[in-house]
């Protein structure tokens, strides 16, 4: 079994910064891809950013230039540094890990951008 636990969500003002963390635990040999997705109220889940074991990243257009993903392979942990937050960034952010052909999800953490 693999578990993903997110942390770091909360309330942030527009223009502010926040960092999310996601730690994977369980029987893990190698996590191919780790990343973040988000779902705003009334909208479909969308890609935020993903990162491979080797450090290659893929991001959604809505966060280009504002968010930065990183990972610590030794700790099976992925981070998301979010800068220049906008109200439209308000969403539940969920961590995803792909191990072999299987995908695992965390429960999600709510991030609210509001003054």
PDB file of N, CA and C in Angstrom:
ATOM      1  N   UNK A   1       0.834  -1.198   0.000  1.00  0.00           N
ATOM      2  CA  UNK A   1       0.000   0.000   0.000  1.00  0.00           C
ATOM      3  C   UNK A   1       0.865   1.243   0.000  1.00  0.00           C
ATOM      4  N   UNK A   2       0.415   2.245  -0.719  1.00  0.00           N
ATOM      5  CA  UNK A   2       1.114   3.517  -0.782  1.00  0.00           C
ATOM      6  C   UNK A   2       0.177   4.602  -0.272  1.00  0.00           C
ATOM      7  N   UNK A   3       0.693   5.440   0.582  1.00  0.00           N
ATOM      8  CA  UNK A   3      -0.096   6.565   1.085  1.00  0.00           C
ATOM      9  C   UNK A   3       0.595   7.876   0.767  1.00  0.00           C
ATOM     10  N   UNK A   4      -0.199   8.859   0.402  1.00  0.00           N
ATOM     11  CA  UNK A   4       0.309  10.196   0.138  1.00  0.00           C
ATOM     12  C   UNK A   4      -0.344  11.159   1.117  1.00  0.00           C
ATOM     13  N   UNK A   5       0.468  11.950   1.780  1.00  0.00           N
ATOM     14  CA  UNK A   5      -0.058  12.897   2.757  1.00  0.00           C
ATOM     15  C   UNK A   5       0.416  14.296   2.397  1.00  0.00           C
ATOM     16  N   UNK A   6      -0.554  15.158   2.106  1.00  0.00           N
ATOM     17  CA  UNK A   6      -0.236  16.543   1.760  1.00  0.00           C
ATOM     18  C   UNK A   6      -0.246  17.429   3.001  1.00  0.00           C
ATOM     19  N   UNK A   7       0.506  18.505   2.935  1.00  0.00           N
ATOM     20  CA  UNK A   7       0.500  19.498   4.006  1.00  0.00           C
ATOM     21  C   UNK A   7       0.851  20.864   3.428  1.00  0.00           C
ATOM     22  N   UNK A   8       0.505  21.911   4.175  1.00  0.00           N
ATOM     23  CA  UNK A   8       0.888  23.257   3.770  1.00  0.00           C
ATOM     24  C   UNK A   8      -0.222  24.109   3.217  1.00  0.00           C
ATOM     25  N   UNK A   9      -1.422  23.575   3.100  1.00  0.00           N
ATOM     26  CA  UNK A   9      -2.525  24.379   2.580  1.00  0.00           C
ATOM     27  C   UNK A   9      -3.000  25.408   3.595  1.00  0.00           C
ATOM     28  N   UNK A  10      -3.865  26.288   3.143  1.00  0.00           N
ATOM     29  CA  UNK A  10      -4.404  27.304   4.032  1.00  0.00           C
ATOM     30  C   UNK A  10      -4.829  28.545   3.281  1.00  0.00           C
ATOM     31  N   UNK A  11      -4.943  29.627   4.011  1.00  0.00           N
ATOM     32  CA  UNK A  11      -5.370  30.903   3.449  1.00  0.00           C
ATOM     33  C   UNK A  11      -4.157  31.768   3.143  1.00  0.00           C
ATOM     34  N   UNK A  12      -4.142  32.351   1.966  1.00  0.00           N
ATOM     35  CA  UNK A  12      -3.062  33.247   1.574  1.00  0.00           C
ATOM     36  C   UNK A  12      -3.669  34.436   0.845  1.00  0.00           C
ATOM     37  N   UNK A  13      -3.062  35.587   1.008  1.00  0.00           N
ATOM     38  CA  UNK A  13      -3.557  36.787   0.335  1.00  0.00           C
ATOM     39  C   UNK A  13      -3.106  36.802  -1.123  1.00  0.00           C
ATOM     40  N   UNK A  14      -3.842  37.474  -1.970  1.00  0.00           N
ATOM     41  CA  UNK A  14      -3.401  37.626  -3.373  1.00  0.00           C
ATOM     42  C   UNK A  14      -1.990  38.202  -3.432  1.00  0.00           C
ATOM     43  N   UNK A  15      -1.178  37.613  -4.302  1.00  0.00           N
ATOM     44  CA  UNK A  15       0.216  38.030  -4.424  1.00  0.00           C
ATOM     45  C   UNK A  15       1.155  37.329  -3.468  1.00  0.00           C
ATOM     46  N   UNK A  16       0.592  36.619  -2.510  1.00  0.00           N
ATOM     47  CA  UNK A  16       1.416  35.939  -1.513  1.00  0.00           C
ATOM     48  C   UNK A  16       1.954  34.613  -2.003  1.00  0.00           C
ATOM     49  N   UNK A  17       2.688  33.961  -1.111  1.00  0.00           N
ATOM     50  CA  UNK A  17       3.327  32.693  -1.443  1.00  0.00           C
ATOM     51  C   UNK A  17       2.921  31.617  -0.448  1.00  0.00           C
ATOM     52  N   UNK A  18       3.019  30.389  -0.917  1.00  0.00           N
ATOM     53  CA  UNK A  18       2.687  29.246  -0.074  1.00  0.00           C
ATOM     54  C   UNK A  18       3.440  28.047  -0.618  1.00  0.00           C
ATOM     55  N   UNK A  19       3.817  27.135   0.257  1.00  0.00           N
ATOM     56  CA  UNK A  19       4.495  25.923  -0.194  1.00  0.00           C
ATOM     57  C   UNK A  19       3.744  24.704   0.297  1.00  0.00           C
ATOM     58  N   UNK A  20       3.448  23.812  -0.631  1.00  0.00           N
ATOM     59  CA  UNK A  20       2.810  22.542  -0.306  1.00  0.00           C
ATOM     60  C   UNK A  20       3.846  21.433  -0.307  1.00  0.00           C
ATOM     61  N   UNK A  21       3.603  20.450   0.535  1.00  0.00           N
ATOM     62  CA  UNK A  21       4.461  19.266   0.580  1.00  0.00           C
ATOM     63  C   UNK A  21       3.588  18.021   0.485  1.00  0.00           C
ATOM     64  N   UNK A  22       4.153  16.977  -0.081  1.00  0.00           N
ATOM     65  CA  UNK A  22       3.464  15.692  -0.163  1.00  0.00           C
ATOM     66  C   UNK A  22       4.488  14.592   0.049  1.00  0.00           C
ATOM     67  N   UNK A  23       4.256  13.798   1.068  1.00  0.00           N
ATOM     68  CA  UNK A  23       5.166  12.705   1.393  1.00  0.00           C
ATOM     69  C   UNK A  23       4.491  11.374   1.103  1.00  0.00           C
ATOM     70  N   UNK A  24       5.198  10.519   0.397  1.00  0.00           N
ATOM     71  CA  UNK A  24       4.704   9.181   0.086  1.00  0.00           C
ATOM     72  C   UNK A  24       5.321   8.183   1.044  1.00  0.00           C
ATOM     73  N   UNK A  25       4.507   7.241   1.484  1.00  0.00           N
ATOM     74  CA  UNK A  25       5.000   6.208   2.386  1.00  0.00           C
ATOM     75  C   UNK A  25       4.397   4.879   1.985  1.00  0.00           C
ATOM     76  N   UNK A  26       5.013   3.800   2.481  1.00  0.00           N
ATOM     77  CA  UNK A  26       4.534   2.469   2.164  1.00  0.00           C
ATOM     78  C   UNK A  26       5.598   1.679   1.436  1.00  0.00           C
ATOM     79  N   UNK A  27       5.137   0.685   0.698  1.00  0.00           N
ATOM     80  CA  UNK A  27       6.064  -0.166  -0.048  1.00  0.00           C
ATOM     81  C   UNK A  27       6.360   0.515  -1.376  1.00  0.00           C
ATOM     82  N   UNK A  28       7.495   1.203  -1.409  1.00  0.00           N
ATOM     83  CA  UNK A  28       7.847   1.996  -2.588  1.00  0.00           C
ATOM     84  C   UNK A  28       9.266   1.659  -3.010  1.00  0.00           C
ATOM     85  N   UNK A  29       9.419   1.256  -4.250  1.00  0.00           N
ATOM     86  CA  UNK A  29      10.761   1.036  -4.790  1.00  0.00           C
ATOM     87  C   UNK A  29      11.214   2.251  -5.578  1.00  0.00           C
ATOM     88  N   UNK A  30      10.314   2.759  -6.377  1.00  0.00           N
ATOM     89  CA  UNK A  30      10.660   3.933  -7.182  1.00  0.00           C
ATOM     90  C   UNK A  30       9.384   4.613  -7.660  1.00  0.00           C
ATOM     91  N   UNK A  31       9.307   5.901  -7.482  1.00  0.00           N
ATOM     92  CA  UNK A  31       8.155   6.667  -7.953  1.00  0.00           C
ATOM     93  C   UNK A  31       8.540   7.338  -9.267  1.00  0.00           C
ATOM     94  N   UNK A  32       7.878   6.951 -10.337  1.00  0.00           N
ATOM     95  CA  UNK A  32       8.230   7.476 -11.645  1.00  0.00           C
ATOM     96  C   UNK A  32       7.960   8.982 -11.747  1.00  0.00           C
ATOM     97  N   UNK A  33       6.738   9.351 -11.400  1.00  0.00           N
ATOM     98  CA  UNK A  33       6.325  10.746 -11.523  1.00  0.00           C
ATOM     99  C   UNK A  33       5.556  11.140 -10.272  1.00  0.00           C
ATOM    100  N   UNK A  34       5.855  12.309  -9.771  1.00  0.00           N
ATOM    101  CA  UNK A  34       5.074  12.889  -8.675  1.00  0.00           C
ATOM    102  C   UNK A  34       4.578  14.246  -9.134  1.00  0.00           C
ATOM    103  N   UNK A  35       3.438  14.631  -8.621  1.00  0.00           N
ATOM    104  CA  UNK A  35       2.945  15.928  -9.065  1.00  0.00           C
ATOM    105  C   UNK A  35       1.726  16.389  -8.327  1.00  0.00           C
ATOM    106  N   UNK A  36       1.222  17.515  -8.788  1.00  0.00           N
ATOM    107  CA  UNK A  36       0.086  18.170  -8.171  1.00  0.00           C
ATOM    108  C   UNK A  36      -0.994  18.458  -9.216  1.00  0.00           C
ATOM    109  N   UNK A  37      -2.208  18.239  -8.806  1.00  0.00           N
ATOM    110  CA  UNK A  37      -3.381  18.608  -9.583  1.00  0.00           C
ATOM    111  C   UNK A  37      -4.271  19.434  -8.668  1.00  0.00           C
ATOM    112  N   UNK A  38      -5.174  20.163  -9.253  1.00  0.00           N
ATOM    113  CA  UNK A  38      -6.091  20.944  -8.424  1.00  0.00           C
ATOM    114  C   UNK A  38      -7.488  20.937  -9.024  1.00  0.00           C
ATOM    115  N   UNK A  39      -8.445  21.143  -8.130  1.00  0.00           N
ATOM    116  CA  UNK A  39      -9.835  21.215  -8.556  1.00  0.00           C
ATOM    117  C   UNK A  39     -10.506  22.368  -7.841  1.00  0.00           C
ATOM    118  N   UNK A  40     -10.914  23.345  -8.606  1.00  0.00           N
ATOM    119  CA  UNK A  40     -11.637  24.493  -8.065  1.00  0.00           C
ATOM    120  C   UNK A  40     -13.125  24.163  -7.999  1.00  0.00           C
ATOM    121  N   UNK A  41     -13.862  24.870  -7.154  1.00  0.00           N
ATOM    122  CA  UNK A  41     -15.304  24.613  -7.042  1.00  0.00           C
ATOM    123  C   UNK A  41     -16.003  24.719  -8.385  1.00  0.00           C
ATOM    124  N   UNK A  42     -16.745  23.699  -8.749  1.00  0.00           N
ATOM    125  CA  UNK A  42     -17.507  23.719  -9.988  1.00  0.00           C
ATOM    126  C   UNK A  42     -16.703  23.469 -11.245  1.00  0.00           C
ATOM    127  N   UNK A  43     -15.432  23.119 -11.080  1.00  0.00           N
ATOM    128  CA  UNK A  43     -14.585  22.894 -12.254  1.00  0.00           C
ATOM    129  C   UNK A  43     -13.976  21.494 -12.217  1.00  0.00           C
ATOM    130  N   UNK A  44     -13.456  21.087 -13.368  1.00  0.00           N
ATOM    131  CA  UNK A  44     -12.790  19.794 -13.443  1.00  0.00           C
ATOM    132  C   UNK A  44     -11.379  19.884 -12.882  1.00  0.00           C
ATOM    133  N   UNK A  45     -10.880  18.747 -12.482  1.00  0.00           N
ATOM    134  CA  UNK A  45      -9.504  18.679 -12.001  1.00  0.00           C
ATOM    135  C   UNK A  45      -8.561  19.024 -13.150  1.00  0.00           C
ATOM    136  N   UNK A  46      -7.520  19.794 -12.819  1.00  0.00           N
ATOM    137  CA  UNK A  46      -6.553  20.165 -13.852  1.00  0.00           C
ATOM    138  C   UNK A  46      -5.129  19.959 -13.361  1.00  0.00           C
ATOM    139  N   UNK A  47      -4.252  19.807 -14.303  1.00  0.00           N
ATOM    140  CA  UNK A  47      -2.830  19.646 -13.995  1.00  0.00           C
ATOM    141  C   UNK A  47      -2.261  20.955 -13.463  1.00  0.00           C
ATOM    142  N   UNK A  48      -1.482  20.839 -12.387  1.00  0.00           N
ATOM    143  CA  UNK A  48      -0.702  21.973 -11.919  1.00  0.00           C
ATOM    144  C   UNK A  48       0.730  21.792 -12.414  1.00  0.00           C
ATOM    145  N   UNK A  49       1.385  20.763 -11.889  1.00  0.00           N
ATOM    146  CA  UNK A  49       2.766  20.515 -12.317  1.00  0.00           C
ATOM    147  C   UNK A  49       3.174  19.120 -11.874  1.00  0.00           C
ATOM    148  N   UNK A  50       3.980  18.455 -12.702  1.00  0.00           N
ATOM    149  CA  UNK A  50       4.524  17.155 -12.355  1.00  0.00           C
ATOM    150  C   UNK A  50       6.033  17.154 -12.551  1.00  0.00           C
ATOM    151  N   UNK A  51       6.681  16.184 -11.912  1.00  0.00           N
ATOM    152  CA  UNK A  51       8.129  16.074 -12.015  1.00  0.00           C
ATOM    153  C   UNK A  51       8.526  14.599 -11.997  1.00  0.00           C
ATOM    154  N   UNK A  52       9.454  14.233 -12.876  1.00  0.00           N
ATOM    155  CA  UNK A  52       9.928  12.859 -12.938  1.00  0.00           C
ATOM    156  C   UNK A  52      11.086  12.634 -11.960  1.00  0.00           C
ATOM    157  N   UNK A  53      11.488  11.403 -11.853  1.00  0.00           N
ATOM    158  CA  UNK A  53      12.620  11.074 -10.991  1.00  0.00           C
ATOM    159  C   UNK A  53      13.873  11.844 -11.421  1.00  0.00           C
ATOM    160  N   UNK A  54      14.001  12.026 -12.714  1.00  0.00           N
ATOM    161  CA  UNK A  54      15.173  12.719 -13.235  1.00  0.00           C
ATOM    162  C   UNK A  54      15.084  14.229 -13.199  1.00  0.00           C
ATOM    163  N   UNK A  55      13.914  14.760 -12.806  1.00  0.00           N
ATOM    164  CA  UNK A  55      13.777  16.196 -12.672  1.00  0.00           C
ATOM    165  C   UNK A  55      13.073  16.904 -13.821  1.00  0.00           C
ATOM    166  N   UNK A  56      12.594  16.170 -14.801  1.00  0.00           N
ATOM    167  CA  UNK A  56      11.859  16.800 -15.897  1.00  0.00           C
ATOM    168  C   UNK A  56      10.477  17.197 -15.403  1.00  0.00           C
ATOM    169  N   UNK A  57      10.056  18.396 -15.781  1.00  0.00           N
ATOM    170  CA  UNK A  57       8.785  18.918 -15.284  1.00  0.00           C
ATOM    171  C   UNK A  57       7.793  19.170 -16.412  1.00  0.00           C
ATOM    172  N   UNK A  58       6.541  19.145 -16.023  1.00  0.00           N
ATOM    173  CA  UNK A  58       5.453  19.460 -16.938  1.00  0.00           C
ATOM    174  C   UNK A  58       4.443  20.269 -16.137  1.00  0.00           C
ATOM    175  N   UNK A  59       3.974  21.368 -16.684  1.00  0.00           N
ATOM    176  CA  UNK A  59       3.087  22.219 -15.902  1.00  0.00           C
ATOM    177  C   UNK A  59       1.899  22.678 -16.725  1.00  0.00           C
ATOM    178  N   UNK A  60       0.844  23.076 -15.991  1.00  0.00           N
ATOM    179  CA  UNK A  60      -0.324  23.611 -16.651  1.00  0.00           C
ATOM    180  C   UNK A  60      -0.110  25.068 -17.028  1.00  0.00           C
ATOM    181  N   UNK A  61      -0.767  25.516 -18.076  1.00  0.00           N
ATOM    182  CA  UNK A  61      -0.574  26.882 -18.559  1.00  0.00           C
ATOM    183  C   UNK A  61      -0.966  27.932 -17.524  1.00  0.00           C
ATOM    184  N   UNK A  62      -1.902  27.600 -16.675  1.00  0.00           N
ATOM    185  CA  UNK A  62      -2.407  28.592 -15.728  1.00  0.00           C
ATOM    186  C   UNK A  62      -1.406  28.932 -14.627  1.00  0.00           C
ATOM    187  N   UNK A  63      -0.390  28.107 -14.451  1.00  0.00           N
ATOM    188  CA  UNK A  63       0.581  28.361 -13.375  1.00  0.00           C
ATOM    189  C   UNK A  63       1.966  28.655 -13.908  1.00  0.00           C
ATOM    190  N   UNK A  64       2.096  28.744 -15.218  1.00  0.00           N
ATOM    191  CA  UNK A  64       3.398  28.969 -15.846  1.00  0.00           C
ATOM    192  C   UNK A  64       4.092  30.191 -15.255  1.00  0.00           C
ATOM    193  N   UNK A  65       5.322  29.980 -14.819  1.00  0.00           N
ATOM    194  CA  UNK A  65       6.129  31.076 -14.307  1.00  0.00           C
ATOM    195  C   UNK A  65       5.848  31.472 -12.870  1.00  0.00           C
ATOM    196  N   UNK A  66       4.825  30.913 -12.272  1.00  0.00           N
ATOM    197  CA  UNK A  66       4.465  31.297 -10.896  1.00  0.00           C
ATOM    198  C   UNK A  66       4.707  30.184  -9.891  1.00  0.00           C
ATOM    199  N   UNK A  67       4.538  28.950 -10.302  1.00  0.00           N
ATOM    200  CA  UNK A  67       4.695  27.818  -9.407  1.00  0.00           C
ATOM    201  C   UNK A  67       5.953  27.046  -9.786  1.00  0.00           C
ATOM    202  N   UNK A  68       6.596  26.464  -8.777  1.00  0.00           N
ATOM    203  CA  UNK A  68       7.791  25.659  -9.008  1.00  0.00           C
ATOM    204  C   UNK A  68       7.685  24.358  -8.239  1.00  0.00           C
ATOM    205  N   UNK A  69       7.882  23.256  -8.941  1.00  0.00           N
ATOM    206  CA  UNK A  69       7.830  21.949  -8.303  1.00  0.00           C
ATOM    207  C   UNK A  69       9.240  21.430  -8.077  1.00  0.00           C
ATOM    208  N   UNK A  70       9.413  20.685  -7.002  1.00  0.00           N
ATOM    209  CA  UNK A  70      10.695  20.034  -6.734  1.00  0.00           C
ATOM    210  C   UNK A  70      10.415  18.749  -5.976  1.00  0.00           C
ATOM    211  N   UNK A  71      11.390  17.888  -5.908  1.00  0.00           N
ATOM    212  CA  UNK A  71      11.187  16.633  -5.184  1.00  0.00           C
ATOM    213  C   UNK A  71      12.482  16.183  -4.547  1.00  0.00           C
ATOM    214  N   UNK A  72      12.314  15.439  -3.470  1.00  0.00           N
ATOM    215  CA  UNK A  72      13.436  14.805  -2.778  1.00  0.00           C
ATOM    216  C   UNK A  72      13.228  13.304  -2.938  1.00  0.00           C
ATOM    217  N   UNK A  73      13.952  12.704  -3.846  1.00  0.00           N
ATOM    218  CA  UNK A  73      13.741  11.288  -4.141  1.00  0.00           C
ATOM    219  C   UNK A  73      14.051  10.405  -2.940  1.00  0.00           C
ATOM    220  N   UNK A  74      15.030  10.795  -2.160  1.00  0.00           N
ATOM    221  CA  UNK A  74      15.401   9.988  -0.994  1.00  0.00           C
ATOM    222  C   UNK A  74      14.275   9.957   0.040  1.00  0.00           C
ATOM    223  N   UNK A  75      13.500  11.036   0.092  1.00  0.00           N
ATOM    224  CA  UNK A  75      12.415  11.130   1.060  1.00  0.00           C
ATOM    225  C   UNK A  75      11.052  10.841   0.434  1.00  0.00           C
ATOM    226  N   UNK A  76      11.028  10.538  -0.857  1.00  0.00           N
ATOM    227  CA  UNK A  76       9.752  10.313  -1.558  1.00  0.00           C
ATOM    228  C   UNK A  76       8.786  11.469  -1.315  1.00  0.00           C
ATOM    229  N   UNK A  77       9.299  12.664  -1.420  1.00  0.00           N
ATOM    230  CA  UNK A  77       8.511  13.864  -1.125  1.00  0.00           C
ATOM    231  C   UNK A  77       8.583  14.835  -2.295  1.00  0.00           C
ATOM    232  N   UNK A  78       7.449  15.450  -2.582  1.00  0.00           N
ATOM    233  CA  UNK A  78       7.383  16.454  -3.628  1.00  0.00           C
ATOM    234  C   UNK A  78       6.870  17.751  -3.020  1.00  0.00           C
ATOM    235  N   UNK A  79       7.373  18.854  -3.528  1.00  0.00           N
ATOM    236  CA  UNK A  79       7.012  20.171  -3.019  1.00  0.00           C
ATOM    237  C   UNK A  79       6.459  21.034  -4.155  1.00  0.00           C
ATOM    238  N   UNK A  80       5.617  21.959  -3.789  1.00  0.00           N
ATOM    239  CA  UNK A  80       5.100  22.918  -4.755  1.00  0.00           C
ATOM    240  C   UNK A  80       5.204  24.307  -4.154  1.00  0.00           C
ATOM    241  N   UNK A  81       6.086  25.116  -4.691  1.00  0.00           N
ATOM    242  CA  UNK A  81       6.229  26.492  -4.256  1.00  0.00           C
ATOM    243  C   UNK A  81       5.337  27.359  -5.127  1.00  0.00           C
ATOM    244  N   UNK A  82       4.395  28.014  -4.495  1.00  0.00           N
ATOM    245  CA  UNK A  82       3.414  28.808  -5.238  1.00  0.00           C
ATOM    246  C   UNK A  82       3.622  30.280  -4.913  1.00  0.00           C
ATOM    247  N   UNK A  83       3.957  31.052  -5.913  1.00  0.00           N
ATOM    248  CA  UNK A  83       4.167  32.489  -5.756  1.00  0.00           C
ATOM    249  C   UNK A  83       3.117  33.253  -6.548  1.00  0.00           C
ATOM    250  N   UNK A  84       3.031  34.535  -6.264  1.00  0.00           N
ATOM    251  CA  UNK A  84       2.116  35.419  -7.003  1.00  0.00           C
ATOM    252  C   UNK A  84       0.710  34.833  -7.097  1.00  0.00           C
ATOM    253  N   UNK A  85       0.194  34.435  -5.936  1.00  0.00           N
ATOM    254  CA  UNK A  85      -1.090  33.759  -5.923  1.00  0.00           C
ATOM    255  C   UNK A  85      -2.209  34.688  -6.384  1.00  0.00           C
ATOM    256  N   UNK A  86      -3.167  34.079  -7.092  1.00  0.00           N
ATOM    257  CA  UNK A  86      -4.343  34.791  -7.581  1.00  0.00           C
ATOM    258  C   UNK A  86      -5.593  34.161  -6.978  1.00  0.00           C
ATOM    259  N   UNK A  87      -6.676  34.907  -6.881  1.00  0.00           N
ATOM    260  CA  UNK A  87      -7.911  34.321  -6.343  1.00  0.00           C
ATOM    261  C   UNK A  87      -8.345  33.070  -7.113  1.00  0.00           C
ATOM    262  N   UNK A  88      -8.085  33.047  -8.406  1.00  0.00           N
ATOM    263  CA  UNK A  88      -8.477  31.879  -9.200  1.00  0.00           C
ATOM    264  C   UNK A  88      -7.617  30.650  -8.924  1.00  0.00           C
ATOM    265  N   UNK A  89      -6.601  30.792  -8.101  1.00  0.00           N
ATOM    266  CA  UNK A  89      -5.801  29.636  -7.667  1.00  0.00           C
ATOM    267  C   UNK A  89      -6.474  28.890  -6.516  1.00  0.00           C
ATOM    268  N   UNK A  90      -7.566  29.436  -6.004  1.00  0.00           N
ATOM    269  CA  UNK A  90      -8.291  28.765  -4.930  1.00  0.00           C
ATOM    270  C   UNK A  90      -8.808  27.426  -5.414  1.00  0.00           C
ATOM    271  N   UNK A  91      -8.429  26.367  -4.693  1.00  0.00           N
ATOM    272  CA  UNK A  91      -8.800  25.013  -5.107  1.00  0.00           C
ATOM    273  C   UNK A  91      -8.334  24.012  -4.060  1.00  0.00           C
ATOM    274  N   UNK A  92      -8.779  22.794  -4.233  1.00  0.00           N
ATOM    275  CA  UNK A  92      -8.207  21.679  -3.479  1.00  0.00           C
ATOM    276  C   UNK A  92      -7.047  21.135  -4.304  1.00  0.00           C
ATOM    277  N   UNK A  93      -5.876  21.128  -3.709  1.00  0.00           N
ATOM    278  CA  UNK A  93      -4.673  20.655  -4.380  1.00  0.00           C
ATOM    279  C   UNK A  93      -4.390  19.220  -3.938  1.00  0.00           C
ATOM    280  N   UNK A  94      -4.272  18.330  -4.909  1.00  0.00           N
ATOM    281  CA  UNK A  94      -4.079  16.913  -4.609  1.00  0.00           C
ATOM    282  C   UNK A  94      -2.749  16.432  -5.178  1.00  0.00           C
ATOM    283  N   UNK A  95      -2.094  15.629  -4.385  1.00  0.00           N
ATOM    284  CA  UNK A  95      -0.813  15.047  -4.772  1.00  0.00           C
ATOM    285  C   UNK A  95      -1.061  13.739  -5.514  1.00  0.00           C
ATOM    286  N   UNK A  96      -0.256  13.488  -6.514  1.00  0.00           N
ATOM    287  CA  UNK A  96      -0.367  12.252  -7.294  1.00  0.00           C
ATOM    288  C   UNK A  96       1.007  11.624  -7.448  1.00  0.00           C
ATOM    289  N   UNK A  97       1.048  10.306  -7.362  1.00  0.00           N
ATOM    290  CA  UNK A  97       2.297   9.588  -7.585  1.00  0.00           C
ATOM    291  C   UNK A  97       2.031   8.418  -8.515  1.00  0.00           C
ATOM    292  N   UNK A  98       2.888   8.267  -9.510  1.00  0.00           N
ATOM    293  CA  UNK A  98       2.769   7.146 -10.422  1.00  0.00           C
ATOM    294  C   UNK A  98       3.908   6.166 -10.158  1.00  0.00           C
ATOM    295  N   UNK A  99       3.523   4.964  -9.773  1.00  0.00           N
ATOM    296  CA  UNK A  99       4.495   3.918  -9.471  1.00  0.00           C
ATOM    297  C   UNK A  99       4.191   2.753 -10.383  1.00  0.00           C
ATOM    298  N   UNK A 100       5.108   2.484 -11.298  1.00  0.00           N
ATOM    299  CA  UNK A 100       4.882   1.496 -12.362  1.00  0.00           C
ATOM    300  C   UNK A 100       3.631   1.910 -13.122  1.00  0.00           C
ATOM    301  N   UNK A 101       2.634   1.079 -13.194  1.00  0.00           N
ATOM    302  CA  UNK A 101       1.437   1.411 -13.955  1.00  0.00           C
ATOM    303  C   UNK A 101       0.300   1.928 -13.083  1.00  0.00           C
ATOM    304  N   UNK A 102       0.579   2.140 -11.819  1.00  0.00           N
ATOM    305  CA  UNK A 102      -0.473   2.531 -10.889  1.00  0.00           C
ATOM    306  C   UNK A 102      -0.333   3.988 -10.476  1.00  0.00           C
ATOM    307  N   UNK A 103      -1.477   4.608 -10.264  1.00  0.00           N
ATOM    308  CA  UNK A 103      -1.494   5.986  -9.792  1.00  0.00           C
ATOM    309  C   UNK A 103      -2.116   6.057  -8.416  1.00  0.00           C
ATOM    310  N   UNK A 104      -1.542   6.888  -7.570  1.00  0.00           N
ATOM    311  CA  UNK A 104      -2.028   7.042  -6.212  1.00  0.00           C
ATOM    312  C   UNK A 104      -2.315   8.521  -5.960  1.00  0.00           C
ATOM    313  N   UNK A 105      -3.345   8.748  -5.122  1.00  0.00           N
ATOM    314  CA  UNK A 105      -3.755  10.108  -4.820  1.00  0.00           C
ATOM    315  C   UNK A 105      -3.761  10.371  -3.329  1.00  0.00           C
ATOM    316  N   UNK A 106      -3.403  11.583  -2.957  1.00  0.00           N
ATOM    317  CA  UNK A 106      -3.611  12.011  -1.589  1.00  0.00           C
ATOM    318  C   UNK A 106      -5.029  12.502  -1.424  1.00  0.00           C
ATOM    319  N   UNK A 107      -5.382  12.867  -0.191  1.00  0.00           N
ATOM    320  CA  UNK A 107      -6.745  13.317   0.085  1.00  0.00           C
ATOM    321  C   UNK A 107      -6.976  14.756  -0.350  1.00  0.00           C
ATOM    322  N   UNK A 108      -5.897  15.491  -0.528  1.00  0.00           N
ATOM    323  CA  UNK A 108      -6.014  16.875  -0.967  1.00  0.00           C
ATOM    324  C   UNK A 108      -5.914  17.867   0.175  1.00  0.00           C
ATOM    325  N   UNK A 109      -5.488  19.061  -0.159  1.00  0.00           N
ATOM    326  CA  UNK A 109      -5.391  20.132   0.821  1.00  0.00           C
ATOM    327  C   UNK A 109      -5.968  21.405   0.206  1.00  0.00           C
ATOM    328  N   UNK A 110      -6.789  22.101   0.961  1.00  0.00           N
ATOM    329  CA  UNK A 110      -7.464  23.283   0.447  1.00  0.00           C
ATOM    330  C   UNK A 110      -6.561  24.499   0.528  1.00  0.00           C
ATOM    331  N   UNK A 111      -6.466  25.204  -0.577  1.00  0.00           N
ATOM    332  CA  UNK A 111      -5.745  26.465  -0.623  1.00  0.00           C
ATOM    333  C   UNK A 111      -6.728  27.547  -1.040  1.00  0.00           C
ATOM    334  N   UNK A 112      -6.828  28.569  -0.222  1.00  0.00           N
ATOM    335  CA  UNK A 112      -7.746  29.669  -0.490  1.00  0.00           C
ATOM    336  C   UNK A 112      -6.956  30.957  -0.656  1.00  0.00           C
ATOM    337  N   UNK A 113      -7.181  31.628  -1.755  1.00  0.00           N
ATOM    338  CA  UNK A 113      -6.504  32.901  -2.007  1.00  0.00           C
ATOM    339  C   UNK A 113      -7.545  34.004  -1.885  1.00  0.00           C
ATOM    340  N   UNK A 114      -7.418  34.792  -0.852  1.00  0.00           N
ATOM    341  CA  UNK A 114      -8.420  35.809  -0.586  1.00  0.00           C
ATOM    342  C   UNK A 114      -7.833  36.892   0.305  1.00  0.00           C
ATOM    343  N   UNK A 115      -8.338  38.102   0.127  1.00  0.00           N
ATOM    344  CA  UNK A 115      -7.918  39.193   1.006  1.00  0.00           C
ATOM    345  C   UNK A 115      -8.912  39.354   2.153  1.00  0.00           C
TER     346      UNK A 115
END
